[in-house]
Full PDB file with SEQRES, HELIX, SHEET, SSBOND, CRYST1, ORIGX, SCALE, CONECT and MASTER records, all heavy atoms in Angstrom:
SEQRES   1 A   45  ARG LEU SER CYS GLU ALA SER GLY PHE ILE PHE ASN ASN          
SEQRES   2 A   45  ALA ILE MET LYS TRP SER ARG GLN ALA PRO GLY LYS GLN          
SEQRES   3 A   45  ARG GLU LEU VAL ALA GLY PHE ILE SER PRO LEU ARG ILE          
SEQRES   4 A   45  PHE TYR ASP ASP SER VAL                                      
HELIX    1 AA1 PHE A   11  ASN A   13  5                                   3    
SHEET    1 AA1 3 LYS A  17  ARG A  20  0                                        
SHEET    2 AA1 3 GLU A  28  SER A  35 -1                                        
SHEET    3 AA1 3 ARG A  38  TYR A  41 -1                                        
CRYST1    1.000    1.000    1.000  90.00  90.00  90.00 P 1           1          
ORIGX1      1.000000  0.000000  0.000000        0.00000                         
ORIGX2      0.000000  1.000000  0.000000        0.00000                         
ORIGX3      0.000000  0.000000  1.000000        0.00000                         
SCALE1      1.000000  0.000000  0.000000        0.00000                         
SCALE2      0.000000  1.000000  0.000000        0.00000                         
SCALE3      0.000000  0.000000  1.000000        0.00000                         
ATOM      1  N   ARG A   1      87.648 103.095 116.013  1.00  0.00           N  
ATOM      2  CA  ARG A   1      88.388 102.490 114.902  1.00  0.00           C  
ATOM      3  C   ARG A   1      88.970 103.610 114.049  1.00  0.00           C  
ATOM      4  O   ARG A   1      88.217 104.400 113.467  1.00  0.00           O  
ATOM      5  CB  ARG A   1      87.474 101.617 114.057  1.00  0.00           C  
ATOM      6  CG  ARG A   1      88.208 100.818 112.988  1.00  0.00           C  
ATOM      7  CD  ARG A   1      87.246 100.235 111.992  1.00  0.00           C  
ATOM      8  NE  ARG A   1      87.854  99.190 111.171  1.00  0.00           N  
ATOM      9  CZ  ARG A   1      87.464  98.915 109.933  1.00  0.00           C  
ATOM     10  NH1 ARG A   1      86.470  99.583 109.383  1.00  0.00           N  
ATOM     11  NH2 ARG A   1      88.056  97.946 109.260  1.00  0.00           N  
ATOM     12  N   LEU A   2      90.273 103.657 114.004  1.00  0.00           N  
ATOM     13  CA  LEU A   2      90.953 104.639 113.180  1.00  0.00           C  
ATOM     14  C   LEU A   2      91.210 104.052 111.797  1.00  0.00           C  
ATOM     15  O   LEU A   2      91.503 102.865 111.666  1.00  0.00           O  
ATOM     16  CB  LEU A   2      92.279 105.055 113.811  1.00  0.00           C  
ATOM     17  CG  LEU A   2      92.220 105.595 115.245  1.00  0.00           C  
ATOM     18  CD1 LEU A   2      93.611 106.058 115.684  1.00  0.00           C  
ATOM     19  CD2 LEU A   2      91.213 106.712 115.374  1.00  0.00           C  
ATOM     20  N   SER A   3      91.101 104.909 110.788  1.00  0.00           N  
ATOM     21  CA  SER A   3      91.387 104.508 109.413  1.00  0.00           C  
ATOM     22  C   SER A   3      92.477 105.401 108.847  1.00  0.00           C  
ATOM     23  O   SER A   3      92.601 106.568 109.236  1.00  0.00           O  
ATOM     24  CB  SER A   3      90.134 104.615 108.552  1.00  0.00           C  
ATOM     25  OG  SER A   3      89.104 103.775 109.020  1.00  0.00           O  
ATOM     26  N   CYS A   4      93.229 104.853 107.925  1.00  0.00           N  
ATOM     27  CA  CYS A   4      94.274 105.618 107.246  1.00  0.00           C  
ATOM     28  C   CYS A   4      94.213 105.293 105.766  1.00  0.00           C  
ATOM     29  O   CYS A   4      94.342 104.126 105.376  1.00  0.00           O  
ATOM     30  CB  CYS A   4      95.639 105.263 107.816  1.00  0.00           C  
ATOM     31  SG  CYS A   4      97.044 105.965 106.920  1.00  0.00           S  
ATOM     32  N   GLU A   5      94.005 106.326 104.976  1.00  0.00           N  
ATOM     33  CA  GLU A   5      93.965 106.154 103.523  1.00  0.00           C  
ATOM     34  C   GLU A   5      95.318 106.560 102.954  1.00  0.00           C  
ATOM     35  O   GLU A   5      95.775 107.695 103.173  1.00  0.00           O  
ATOM     36  CB  GLU A   5      92.848 106.998 102.918  1.00  0.00           C  
ATOM     37  CG  GLU A   5      92.701 106.830 101.426  1.00  0.00           C  
ATOM     38  CD  GLU A   5      91.502 107.599 100.875  1.00  0.00           C  
ATOM     39  OE1 GLU A   5      90.821 108.277 101.662  1.00  0.00           O  
ATOM     40  OE2 GLU A   5      91.271 107.521  99.653  1.00  0.00           O  
ATOM     41  N   ALA A   6      95.953 105.651 102.241  1.00  0.00           N  
ATOM     42  CA  ALA A   6      97.281 105.895 101.691  1.00  0.00           C  
ATOM     43  C   ALA A   6      97.198 106.128 100.187  1.00  0.00           C  
ATOM     44  O   ALA A   6      96.373 105.519  99.497  1.00  0.00           O  
ATOM     45  CB  ALA A   6      98.199 104.714 101.979  1.00  0.00           C  
ATOM     46  N   SER A   7      98.055 107.007  99.693  1.00  0.00           N  
ATOM     47  CA  SER A   7      98.119 107.247  98.261  1.00  0.00           C  
ATOM     48  C   SER A   7      99.498 107.781  97.900  1.00  0.00           C  
ATOM     49  O   SER A   7     100.257 108.225  98.761  1.00  0.00           O  
ATOM     50  CB  SER A   7      97.034 108.236  97.818  1.00  0.00           C  
ATOM     51  OG  SER A   7      97.221 109.490  98.440  1.00  0.00           O  
ATOM     52  N   GLY A   8      99.798 107.714  96.617  1.00  0.00           N  
ATOM     53  CA  GLY A   8     101.046 108.284  96.123  1.00  0.00           C  
ATOM     54  C   GLY A   8     102.236 107.355  96.146  1.00  0.00           C  
ATOM     55  O   GLY A   8     103.360 107.785  95.848  1.00  0.00           O  
ATOM     56  N   PHE A   9     102.022 106.089  96.494  1.00  0.00           N  
ATOM     57  CA  PHE A   9     103.130 105.142  96.514  1.00  0.00           C  
ATOM     58  C   PHE A   9     102.578 103.733  96.363  1.00  0.00           C  
ATOM     59  O   PHE A   9     101.375 103.504  96.493  1.00  0.00           O  
ATOM     60  CB  PHE A   9     103.944 105.263  97.807  1.00  0.00           C  
ATOM     61  CG  PHE A   9     103.166 104.982  99.064  1.00  0.00           C  
ATOM     62  CD1 PHE A   9     103.208 103.738  99.679  1.00  0.00           C  
ATOM     63  CD2 PHE A   9     102.386 105.974  99.655  1.00  0.00           C  
ATOM     64  CE1 PHE A   9     102.501 103.483 100.841  1.00  0.00           C  
ATOM     65  CE2 PHE A   9     101.673 105.743 100.817  1.00  0.00           C  
ATOM     66  CZ  PHE A   9     101.734 104.494 101.408  1.00  0.00           C  
ATOM     67  N   ILE A  10     103.482 102.794  96.065  1.00  0.00           N  
ATOM     68  CA  ILE A  10     103.076 101.396  95.944  1.00  0.00           C  
ATOM     69  C   ILE A  10     102.909 100.835  97.349  1.00  0.00           C  
ATOM     70  O   ILE A  10     103.878 100.664  98.090  1.00  0.00           O  
ATOM     71  CB  ILE A  10     104.115 100.588  95.148  1.00  0.00           C  
ATOM     72  CG1 ILE A  10     104.242 101.170  93.735  1.00  0.00           C  
ATOM     73  CG2 ILE A  10     103.712  99.117  95.080  1.00  0.00           C  
ATOM     74  CD1 ILE A  10     105.335 100.559  92.898  1.00  0.00           C  
ATOM     75  N   PHE A  11     101.677 100.585  97.715  1.00  0.00           N  
ATOM     76  CA  PHE A  11     101.340 100.234  99.087  1.00  0.00           C  
ATOM     77  C   PHE A  11     102.115  99.028  99.584  1.00  0.00           C  
ATOM     78  O   PHE A  11     102.602  99.017 100.716  1.00  0.00           O  
ATOM     79  CB  PHE A  11      99.836  99.972  99.177  1.00  0.00           C  
ATOM     80  CG  PHE A  11      99.302  99.864 100.576  1.00  0.00           C  
ATOM     81  CD1 PHE A  11      99.135 100.993 101.363  1.00  0.00           C  
ATOM     82  CD2 PHE A  11      98.946  98.627 101.093  1.00  0.00           C  
ATOM     83  CE1 PHE A  11      98.644 100.903 102.650  1.00  0.00           C  
ATOM     84  CE2 PHE A  11      98.449  98.525 102.378  1.00  0.00           C  
ATOM     85  CZ  PHE A  11      98.296  99.666 103.165  1.00  0.00           C  
ATOM     86  N   ASN A  12     102.256  98.008  98.746  1.00  0.00           N  
ATOM     87  CA  ASN A  12     102.925  96.772  99.167  1.00  0.00           C  
ATOM     88  C   ASN A  12     104.413  96.974  99.439  1.00  0.00           C  
ATOM     89  O   ASN A  12     105.049  96.109 100.041  1.00  0.00           O  
ATOM     90  CB  ASN A  12     102.730  95.683  98.117  1.00  0.00           C  
ATOM     91  CG  ASN A  12     101.296  95.181  98.078  1.00  0.00           C  
ATOM     92  OD1 ASN A  12     100.496  95.519  98.940  1.00  0.00           O  
ATOM     93  ND2 ASN A  12     100.979  94.387  97.077  1.00  0.00           N  
ATOM     94  N   ASN A  13     104.974  98.085  98.986  1.00  0.00           N  
ATOM     95  CA  ASN A  13     106.401  98.353  99.200  1.00  0.00           C  
ATOM     96  C   ASN A  13     106.685  99.042 100.529  1.00  0.00           C  
ATOM     97  O   ASN A  13     107.843  99.220 100.907  1.00  0.00           O  
ATOM     98  CB  ASN A  13     106.958  99.232  98.078  1.00  0.00           C  
ATOM     99  CG  ASN A  13     107.087  98.473  96.771  1.00  0.00           C  
ATOM    100  OD1 ASN A  13     106.925  97.254  96.733  1.00  0.00           O  
ATOM    101  ND2 ASN A  13     107.350  99.186  95.698  1.00  0.00           N  
ATOM    102  N   ALA A  14     105.635  99.452 101.216  1.00  0.00           N  
ATOM    103  CA  ALA A  14     105.806 100.248 102.435  1.00  0.00           C  
ATOM    104  C   ALA A  14     105.521  99.413 103.683  1.00  0.00           C  
ATOM    105  O   ALA A  14     104.750  98.455 103.641  1.00  0.00           O  
ATOM    106  CB  ALA A  14     104.876 101.453 102.417  1.00  0.00           C  
ATOM    107  N   ILE A  15     106.160  99.806 104.775  1.00  0.00           N  
ATOM    108  CA  ILE A  15     105.891  99.205 106.077  1.00  0.00           C  
ATOM    109  C   ILE A  15     105.005 100.181 106.844  1.00  0.00           C  
ATOM    110  O   ILE A  15     105.444 101.281 107.196  1.00  0.00           O  
ATOM    111  CB  ILE A  15     107.199  98.946 106.842  1.00  0.00           C  
ATOM    112  CG1 ILE A  15     108.078  97.987 106.051  1.00  0.00           C  
ATOM    113  CG2 ILE A  15     106.894  98.368 108.223  1.00  0.00           C  
ATOM    114  CD1 ILE A  15     109.465  97.825 106.612  1.00  0.00           C  
ATOM    115  N   MET A  16     103.778  99.777 107.099  1.00  0.00           N  
ATOM    116  CA  MET A  16     102.805 100.685 107.695  1.00  0.00           C  
ATOM    117  C   MET A  16     102.847 100.603 109.219  1.00  0.00           C  
ATOM    118  O   MET A  16     103.154  99.545 109.799  1.00  0.00           O  
ATOM    119  CB  MET A  16     101.398 100.360 107.199  1.00  0.00           C  
ATOM    120  CG  MET A  16     101.238 100.398 105.687  1.00  0.00           C  
ATOM    121  SD  MET A  16     101.700 101.986 104.961  1.00  0.00           S  
ATOM    122  CE  MET A  16     100.477 103.077 105.700  1.00  0.00           C  
ATOM    123  N   LYS A  17     102.502 101.713 109.880  1.00  0.00           N  
ATOM    124  CA  LYS A  17     102.566 101.756 111.333  1.00  0.00           C  
ATOM    125  C   LYS A  17     101.672 102.849 111.875  1.00  0.00           C  
ATOM    126  O   LYS A  17     101.210 103.712 111.125  1.00  0.00           O  
ATOM    127  CB  LYS A  17     103.997 101.995 111.795  1.00  0.00           C  
ATOM    128  CG  LYS A  17     104.685 103.182 111.137  1.00  0.00           C  
ATOM    129  CD  LYS A  17     106.175 103.167 111.393  1.00  0.00           C  
ATOM    130  CE  LYS A  17     106.894 104.220 110.571  1.00  0.00           C  
ATOM    131  NZ  LYS A  17     108.349 104.195 110.752  1.00  0.00           N  
ATOM    132  N   TRP A  18     101.426 102.794 113.169  1.00  0.00           N  
ATOM    133  CA  TRP A  18     100.672 103.822 113.892  1.00  0.00           C  
ATOM    134  C   TRP A  18     101.505 104.296 115.086  1.00  0.00           C  
ATOM    135  O   TRP A  18     102.125 103.484 115.783  1.00  0.00           O  
ATOM    136  CB  TRP A  18      99.353 103.262 114.433  1.00  0.00           C  
ATOM    137  CG  TRP A  18      98.295 103.005 113.417  1.00  0.00           C  
ATOM    138  CD1 TRP A  18      98.035 101.832 112.773  1.00  0.00           C  
ATOM    139  CD2 TRP A  18      97.339 103.946 112.920  1.00  0.00           C  
ATOM    140  NE1 TRP A  18      96.977 101.982 111.915  1.00  0.00           N  
ATOM    141  CE2 TRP A  18      96.523 103.276 111.992  1.00  0.00           C  
ATOM    142  CE3 TRP A  18      97.073 105.298 113.179  1.00  0.00           C  
ATOM    143  CZ2 TRP A  18      95.476 103.899 111.313  1.00  0.00           C  
ATOM    144  CZ3 TRP A  18      96.033 105.924 112.512  1.00  0.00           C  
ATOM    145  CH2 TRP A  18      95.250 105.217 111.591  1.00  0.00           C  
ATOM    146  N   SER A  19     101.492 105.587 115.315  1.00  0.00           N  
ATOM    147  CA  SER A  19     102.112 106.146 116.506  1.00  0.00           C  
ATOM    148  C   SER A  19     101.122 107.089 117.168  1.00  0.00           C  
ATOM    149  O   SER A  19     100.074 107.404 116.591  1.00  0.00           O  
ATOM    150  CB  SER A  19     103.402 106.891 116.153  1.00  0.00           C  
ATOM    151  OG  SER A  19     103.115 108.060 115.406  1.00  0.00           O  
ATOM    152  N   ARG A  20     101.447 107.533 118.356  1.00  0.00           N  
ATOM    153  CA  ARG A  20     100.594 108.509 119.034  1.00  0.00           C  
ATOM    154  C   ARG A  20     101.468 109.440 119.861  1.00  0.00           C  
ATOM    155  O   ARG A  20     102.575 109.104 120.258  1.00  0.00           O  
ATOM    156  CB  ARG A  20      99.574 107.824 119.945  1.00  0.00           C  
ATOM    157  CG  ARG A  20     100.168 107.129 121.153  1.00  0.00           C  
ATOM    158  CD  ARG A  20      99.109 106.402 121.956  1.00  0.00           C  
ATOM    159  NE  ARG A  20      99.674 105.678 123.090  1.00  0.00           N  
ATOM    160  CZ  ARG A  20      99.005 104.802 123.828  1.00  0.00           C  
ATOM    161  NH1 ARG A  20      97.710 104.543 123.545  1.00  0.00           N  
ATOM    162  NH2 ARG A  20      99.586 104.181 124.832  1.00  0.00           N  
ATOM    163  N   GLN A  21     100.909 110.613 120.114  1.00  0.00           N  
ATOM    164  CA  GLN A  21     101.597 111.586 120.957  1.00  0.00           C  
ATOM    165  C   GLN A  21     100.616 112.129 121.971  1.00  0.00           C  
ATOM    166  O   GLN A  21      99.638 112.797 121.604  1.00  0.00           O  
ATOM    167  CB  GLN A  21     102.188 112.713 120.130  1.00  0.00           C  
ATOM    168  CG  GLN A  21     103.048 113.661 120.952  1.00  0.00           C  
ATOM    169  CD  GLN A  21     103.957 114.505 120.083  1.00  0.00           C  
ATOM    170  OE1 GLN A  21     103.753 114.665 118.887  1.00  0.00           O  
ATOM    171  NE2 GLN A  21     104.991 115.056 120.693  1.00  0.00           N  
ATOM    172  N   ALA A  22     100.870 111.813 123.229  1.00  0.00           N  
ATOM    173  CA  ALA A  22     100.038 112.325 124.306  1.00  0.00           C  
ATOM    174  C   ALA A  22     100.491 113.735 124.666  1.00  0.00           C  
ATOM    175  O   ALA A  22     101.641 114.109 124.407  1.00  0.00           O  
ATOM    176  CB  ALA A  22     100.150 111.409 125.524  1.00  0.00           C  
ATOM    177  N   PRO A  23      99.616 114.525 125.260  1.00  0.00           N  
ATOM    178  CA  PRO A  23      99.983 115.900 125.641  1.00  0.00           C  
ATOM    179  C   PRO A  23     101.222 115.917 126.530  1.00  0.00           C  
ATOM    180  O   PRO A  23     101.281 115.205 127.534  1.00  0.00           O  
ATOM    181  CB  PRO A  23      98.751 116.390 126.402  1.00  0.00           C  
ATOM    182  CG  PRO A  23      97.632 115.571 125.878  1.00  0.00           C  
ATOM    183  CD  PRO A  23      98.215 114.227 125.573  1.00  0.00           C  
ATOM    184  N   GLY A  24     102.200 116.694 126.140  1.00  0.00           N  
ATOM    185  CA  GLY A  24     103.409 116.838 126.939  1.00  0.00           C  
ATOM    186  C   GLY A  24     104.366 115.672 126.874  1.00  0.00           C  
ATOM    187  O   GLY A  24     105.350 115.636 127.620  1.00  0.00           O  
ATOM    188  N   LYS A  25     104.107 114.715 125.993  1.00  0.00           N  
ATOM    189  CA  LYS A  25     104.975 113.535 125.896  1.00  0.00           C  
ATOM    190  C   LYS A  25     105.515 113.377 124.482  1.00  0.00           C  
ATOM    191  O   LYS A  25     104.999 113.968 123.546  1.00  0.00           O  
ATOM    192  CB  LYS A  25     104.210 112.272 126.311  1.00  0.00           C  
ATOM    193  CG  LYS A  25     103.791 112.259 127.767  1.00  0.00           C  
ATOM    194  CD  LYS A  25     103.210 110.915 128.146  1.00  0.00           C  
ATOM    195  CE  LYS A  25     102.851 110.857 129.616  1.00  0.00           C  
ATOM    196  NZ  LYS A  25     102.306 109.530 130.010  1.00  0.00           N  
ATOM    197  N   GLN A  26     106.551 112.551 124.369  1.00  0.00           N  
ATOM    198  CA  GLN A  26     107.102 112.285 123.056  1.00  0.00           C  
ATOM    199  C   GLN A  26     106.212 111.319 122.299  1.00  0.00           C  
ATOM    200  O   GLN A  26     105.466 110.526 122.879  1.00  0.00           O  
ATOM    201  CB  GLN A  26     108.514 111.683 123.196  1.00  0.00           C  
ATOM    202  CG  GLN A  26     109.560 112.677 123.657  1.00  0.00           C  
ATOM    203  CD  GLN A  26     110.968 112.120 123.567  1.00  0.00           C  
ATOM    204  OE1 GLN A  26     111.176 110.924 123.729  1.00  0.00           O  
ATOM    205  NE2 GLN A  26     111.932 112.977 123.294  1.00  0.00           N  
ATOM    206  N   ARG A  27     106.333 111.380 120.972  1.00  0.00           N  
ATOM    207  CA  ARG A  27     105.577 110.451 120.153  1.00  0.00           C  
ATOM    208  C   ARG A  27     106.109 109.041 120.391  1.00  0.00           C  
ATOM    209  O   ARG A  27     107.312 108.835 120.520  1.00  0.00           O  
ATOM    210  CB  ARG A  27     105.689 110.820 118.683  1.00  0.00           C  
ATOM    211  CG  ARG A  27     104.777 110.019 117.788  1.00  0.00           C  
ATOM    212  CD  ARG A  27     104.953 110.361 116.328  1.00  0.00           C  
ATOM    213  NE  ARG A  27     104.582 111.734 116.028  1.00  0.00           N  
ATOM    214  CZ  ARG A  27     104.397 112.177 114.785  1.00  0.00           C  
ATOM    215  NH1 ARG A  27     104.551 111.357 113.761  1.00  0.00           N  
ATOM    216  NH2 ARG A  27     104.080 113.433 114.574  1.00  0.00           N  
ATOM    217  N   GLU A  28     105.171 108.077 120.441  1.00  0.00           N  
ATOM    218  CA  GLU A  28     105.567 106.683 120.638  1.00  0.00           C  
ATOM    219  C   GLU A  28     104.903 105.792 119.595  1.00  0.00           C  
ATOM    220  O   GLU A  28     103.772 106.048 119.164  1.00  0.00           O  
ATOM    221  CB  GLU A  28     105.181 106.205 122.044  1.00  0.00           C  
ATOM    222  CG  GLU A  28     103.699 106.257 122.348  1.00  0.00           C  
ATOM    223  CD  GLU A  28     103.348 105.724 123.719  1.00  0.00           C  
ATOM    224  OE1 GLU A  28     104.243 105.208 124.418  1.00  0.00           O  
ATOM    225  OE2 GLU A  28     102.166 105.814 124.102  1.00  0.00           O  
ATOM    226  N   LEU A  29     105.626 104.743 119.212  1.00  0.00           N  
ATOM    227  CA  LEU A  29     105.096 103.785 118.261  1.00  0.00           C  
ATOM    228  C   LEU A  29     104.091 102.896 118.969  1.00  0.00           C  
ATOM    229  O   LEU A  29     104.386 102.333 120.023  1.00  0.00           O  
ATOM    230  CB  LEU A  29     106.222 102.941 117.670  1.00  0.00           C  
ATOM    231  CG  LEU A  29     105.840 101.963 116.573  1.00  0.00           C  
ATOM    232  CD1 LEU A  29     105.347 102.710 115.337  1.00  0.00           C  
ATOM    233  CD2 LEU A  29     107.028 101.073 116.214  1.00  0.00           C  
ATOM    234  N   VAL A  30     102.914 102.776 118.402  1.00  0.00           N  
ATOM    235  CA  VAL A  30     101.846 101.987 119.006  1.00  0.00           C  
ATOM    236  C   VAL A  30     101.777 100.597 118.376  1.00  0.00           C  
ATOM    237  O   VAL A  30     101.667  99.590 119.067  1.00  0.00           O  
ATOM    238  CB  VAL A  30     100.492 102.713 118.846  1.00  0.00           C  
ATOM    239  CG1 VAL A  30      99.352 101.828 119.293  1.00  0.00           C  
ATOM    240  CG2 VAL A  30     100.496 104.023 119.608  1.00  0.00           C  
ATOM    241  N   ALA A  31     101.828 100.557 117.046  1.00  0.00           N  
ATOM    242  CA  ALA A  31     101.724  99.289 116.332  1.00  0.00           C  
ATOM    243  C   ALA A  31     102.358  99.452 114.957  1.00  0.00           C  
ATOM    244  O   ALA A  31     102.359 100.550 114.396  1.00  0.00           O  
ATOM    245  CB  ALA A  31     100.272  98.859 116.196  1.00  0.00           C  
ATOM    246  N   GLY A  32     102.846  98.346 114.407  1.00  0.00           N  
ATOM    247  CA  GLY A  32     103.429  98.409 113.077  1.00  0.00           C  
ATOM    248  C   GLY A  32     103.708  97.031 112.529  1.00  0.00           C  
ATOM    249  O   GLY A  32     103.923  96.086 113.305  1.00  0.00           O  
ATOM    250  N   PHE A  33     103.684  96.931 111.225  1.00  0.00           N  
ATOM    251  CA  PHE A  33     103.960  95.643 110.585  1.00  0.00           C  
ATOM    252  C   PHE A  33     105.461  95.349 110.659  1.00  0.00           C  
ATOM    253  O   PHE A  33     106.281  96.176 110.289  1.00  0.00           O  
ATOM    254  CB  PHE A  33     103.504  95.660 109.121  1.00  0.00           C  
ATOM    255  CG  PHE A  33     102.034  95.416 108.954  1.00  0.00           C  
ATOM    256  CD1 PHE A  33     101.152  96.477 108.851  1.00  0.00           C  
ATOM    257  CD2 PHE A  33     101.533  94.122 108.893  1.00  0.00           C  
ATOM    258  CE1 PHE A  33      99.785  96.258 108.701  1.00  0.00           C  
ATOM    259  CE2 PHE A  33     100.178  93.893 108.750  1.00  0.00           C  
ATOM    260  CZ  PHE A  33      99.301  94.967 108.657  1.00  0.00           C  
ATOM    261  N   ILE A  34     105.780  94.158 111.148  1.00  0.00           N  
ATOM    262  CA  ILE A  34     107.152  93.667 111.110  1.00  0.00           C  
ATOM    263  C   ILE A  34     107.353  92.896 109.817  1.00  0.00           C  
ATOM    264  O   ILE A  34     108.410  92.952 109.184  1.00  0.00           O  
ATOM    265  CB  ILE A  34     107.425  92.751 112.322  1.00  0.00           C  
ATOM    266  CG1 ILE A  34     107.212  93.536 113.633  1.00  0.00           C  
ATOM    267  CG2 ILE A  34     108.814  92.162 112.253  1.00  0.00           C  
ATOM    268  CD1 ILE A  34     107.284  92.673 114.868  1.00  0.00           C  
ATOM    269  N   SER A  35     106.332  92.147 109.429  1.00  0.00           N  
ATOM    270  CA  SER A  35     106.310  91.404 108.183  1.00  0.00           C  
ATOM    271  C   SER A  35     104.850  91.364 107.761  1.00  0.00           C  
ATOM    272  O   SER A  35     103.986  91.804 108.516  1.00  0.00           O  
ATOM    273  CB  SER A  35     106.875  89.992 108.383  1.00  0.00           C  
ATOM    274  OG  SER A  35     105.990  89.225 109.190  1.00  0.00           O  
ATOM    275  N   PRO A  36     104.548  90.857 106.576  1.00  0.00           N  
ATOM    276  CA  PRO A  36     103.141  90.845 106.152  1.00  0.00           C  
ATOM    277  C   PRO A  36     102.184  90.171 107.130  1.00  0.00           C  
ATOM    278  O   PRO A  36     101.007  90.501 107.169  1.00  0.00           O  
ATOM    279  CB  PRO A  36     103.195  90.088 104.823  1.00  0.00           C  
ATOM    280  CG  PRO A  36     104.542  90.414 104.285  1.00  0.00           C  
ATOM    281  CD  PRO A  36     105.451  90.455 105.486  1.00  0.00           C  
ATOM    282  N   LEU A  37     102.698  89.231 107.927  1.00  0.00           N  
ATOM    283  CA  LEU A  37     101.810  88.506 108.837  1.00  0.00           C  
ATOM    284  C   LEU A  37     102.140  88.750 110.302  1.00  0.00           C  
ATOM    285  O   LEU A  37     101.515  88.152 111.176  1.00  0.00           O  
ATOM    286  CB  LEU A  37     101.872  87.003 108.537  1.00  0.00           C  
ATOM    287  CG  LEU A  37     101.377  86.581 107.158  1.00  0.00           C  
ATOM    288  CD1 LEU A  37     101.513  85.082 106.979  1.00  0.00           C  
ATOM    289  CD2 LEU A  37      99.924  87.007 106.948  1.00  0.00           C  
ATOM    290  N   ARG A  38     103.115  89.603 110.584  1.00  0.00           N  
ATOM    291  CA  ARG A  38     103.481  89.858 111.974  1.00  0.00           C  
ATOM    292  C   ARG A  38     103.375  91.341 112.266  1.00  0.00           C  
ATOM    293  O   ARG A  38     103.867  92.179 111.505  1.00  0.00           O  
ATOM    294  CB  ARG A  38     104.906  89.373 112.253  1.00  0.00           C  
ATOM    295  CG  ARG A  38     105.048  87.871 112.343  1.00  0.00           C  
ATOM    296  CD  ARG A  38     106.473  87.509 112.700  1.00  0.00           C  
ATOM    297  NE  ARG A  38     106.846  88.036 114.017  1.00  0.00           N  
ATOM    298  CZ  ARG A  38     108.097  88.229 114.417  1.00  0.00           C  
ATOM    299  NH1 ARG A  38     109.104  87.959 113.609  1.00  0.00           N  
ATOM    300  NH2 ARG A  38     108.363  88.683 115.622  1.00  0.00           N  
ATOM    301  N   ILE A  39     102.751  91.646 113.390  1.00  0.00           N  
ATOM    302  CA  ILE A  39     102.546  93.034 113.782  1.00  0.00           C  
ATOM    303  C   ILE A  39     103.121  93.265 115.168  1.00  0.00           C  
ATOM    304  O   ILE A  39     102.875  92.477 116.082  1.00  0.00           O  
ATOM    305  CB  ILE A  39     101.044  93.404 113.771  1.00  0.00           C  
ATOM    306  CG1 ILE A  39     100.466  93.212 112.364  1.00  0.00           C  
ATOM    307  CG2 ILE A  39     100.843  94.850 114.228  1.00  0.00           C  
ATOM    308  CD1 ILE A  39      98.962  93.379 112.289  1.00  0.00           C  
ATOM    309  N   PHE A  40     103.875  94.327 115.306  1.00  0.00           N  
ATOM    310  CA  PHE A  40     104.387  94.756 116.615  1.00  0.00           C  
ATOM    311  C   PHE A  40     103.328  95.586 117.321  1.00  0.00           C  
ATOM    312  O   PHE A  40     102.654  96.411 116.695  1.00  0.00           O  
ATOM    313  CB  PHE A  40     105.640  95.596 116.413  1.00  0.00           C  
ATOM    314  CG  PHE A  40     105.959  96.504 117.566  1.00  0.00           C  
ATOM    315  CD1 PHE A  40     106.669  96.044 118.648  1.00  0.00           C  
ATOM    316  CD2 PHE A  40     105.513  97.828 117.581  1.00  0.00           C  
ATOM    317  CE1 PHE A  40     106.956  96.884 119.715  1.00  0.00           C  
ATOM    318  CE2 PHE A  40     105.791  98.676 118.639  1.00  0.00           C  
ATOM    319  CZ  PHE A  40     106.517  98.201 119.712  1.00  0.00           C  
ATOM    320  N   TYR A  41     103.188  95.352 118.623  1.00  0.00           N  
ATOM    321  CA  TYR A  41     102.330  96.196 119.458  1.00  0.00           C  
ATOM    322  C   TYR A  41     103.119  96.648 120.677  1.00  0.00           C  
ATOM    323  O   TYR A  41     103.825  95.842 121.303  1.00  0.00           O  
ATOM    324  CB  TYR A  41     101.086  95.443 119.938  1.00  0.00           C  
ATOM    325  CG  TYR A  41     100.114  95.085 118.846  1.00  0.00           C  
ATOM    326  CD1 TYR A  41     100.083  93.807 118.293  1.00  0.00           C  
ATOM    327  CD2 TYR A  41      99.227  96.034 118.353  1.00  0.00           C  
ATOM    328  CE1 TYR A  41      99.197  93.486 117.286  1.00  0.00           C  
ATOM    329  CE2 TYR A  41      98.326  95.718 117.343  1.00  0.00           C  
ATOM    330  CZ  TYR A  41      98.319  94.440 116.812  1.00  0.00           C  
ATOM    331  OH  TYR A  41      97.436  94.133 115.821  1.00  0.00           O  
ATOM    332  N   ASP A  42     102.982  97.899 121.023  1.00  0.00           N  
ATOM    333  CA  ASP A  42     103.569  98.370 122.268  1.00  0.00           C  
ATOM    334  C   ASP A  42     102.882  97.648 123.423  1.00  0.00           C  
ATOM    335  O   ASP A  42     101.685  97.342 123.361  1.00  0.00           O  
ATOM    336  CB  ASP A  42     103.388  99.876 122.393  1.00  0.00           C  
ATOM    337  CG  ASP A  42     104.082 100.429 123.619  1.00  0.00           C  
ATOM    338  OD1 ASP A  42     105.308 100.577 123.576  1.00  0.00           O  
ATOM    339  OD2 ASP A  42     103.386 100.692 124.619  1.00  0.00           O  
ATOM    340  N   ASP A  43     103.636  97.408 124.483  1.00  0.00           N  
ATOM    341  CA  ASP A  43     103.078  96.691 125.640  1.00  0.00           C  
ATOM    342  C   ASP A  43     101.823  97.358 126.193  1.00  0.00           C  
ATOM    343  O   ASP A  43     100.924  96.700 126.708  1.00  0.00           O  
ATOM    344  CB  ASP A  43     104.125  96.572 126.752  1.00  0.00           C  
ATOM    345  CG  ASP A  43     105.185  95.541 126.444  1.00  0.00           C  
ATOM    346  OD1 ASP A  43     104.978  94.719 125.528  1.00  0.00           O  
ATOM    347  OD2 ASP A  43     106.243  95.575 127.099  1.00  0.00           O  
ATOM    348  N   SER A  44     101.759  98.668 126.092  1.00  0.00           N  
ATOM    349  CA  SER A  44     100.638  99.410 126.674  1.00  0.00           C  
ATOM    350  C   SER A  44      99.320  99.157 125.951  1.00  0.00           C  
ATOM    351  O   SER A  44      98.251  99.460 126.496  1.00  0.00           O  
ATOM    352  CB  SER A  44     100.941 100.902 126.692  1.00  0.00           C  
ATOM    353  OG  SER A  44     101.063 101.402 125.366  1.00  0.00           O  
ATOM    354  N   VAL A  45      99.383  98.608 124.719  1.00  0.00           N  
ATOM    355  CA  VAL A  45      98.153  98.415 123.947  1.00  0.00           C  
ATOM    356  C   VAL A  45      97.902  96.960 123.587  1.00  0.00           C  
ATOM    357  O   VAL A  45      96.855  96.644 123.012  1.00  0.00           O  
ATOM    358  CB  VAL A  45      98.152  99.271 122.661  1.00  0.00           C  
ATOM    359  CG1 VAL A  45      98.425 100.736 122.996  1.00  0.00           C  
ATOM    360  CG2 VAL A  45      99.140  98.757 121.632  1.00  0.00           C  
TER     361      VAL A  45                                                      
MASTER        0    0    0    1    3    0    0    6  360    1    0    4          
END                                                                             
């Protein structure tokens, strides 16, 4: 379980997301909020 602590901005104004970068590969988006109740997930996860 990964955690992310955010500070320095109004949290509700931001669109939060997670990405990853495997060795030798480009960074890819793993998951992210599309709306407050909808989350995008990459097919691989």
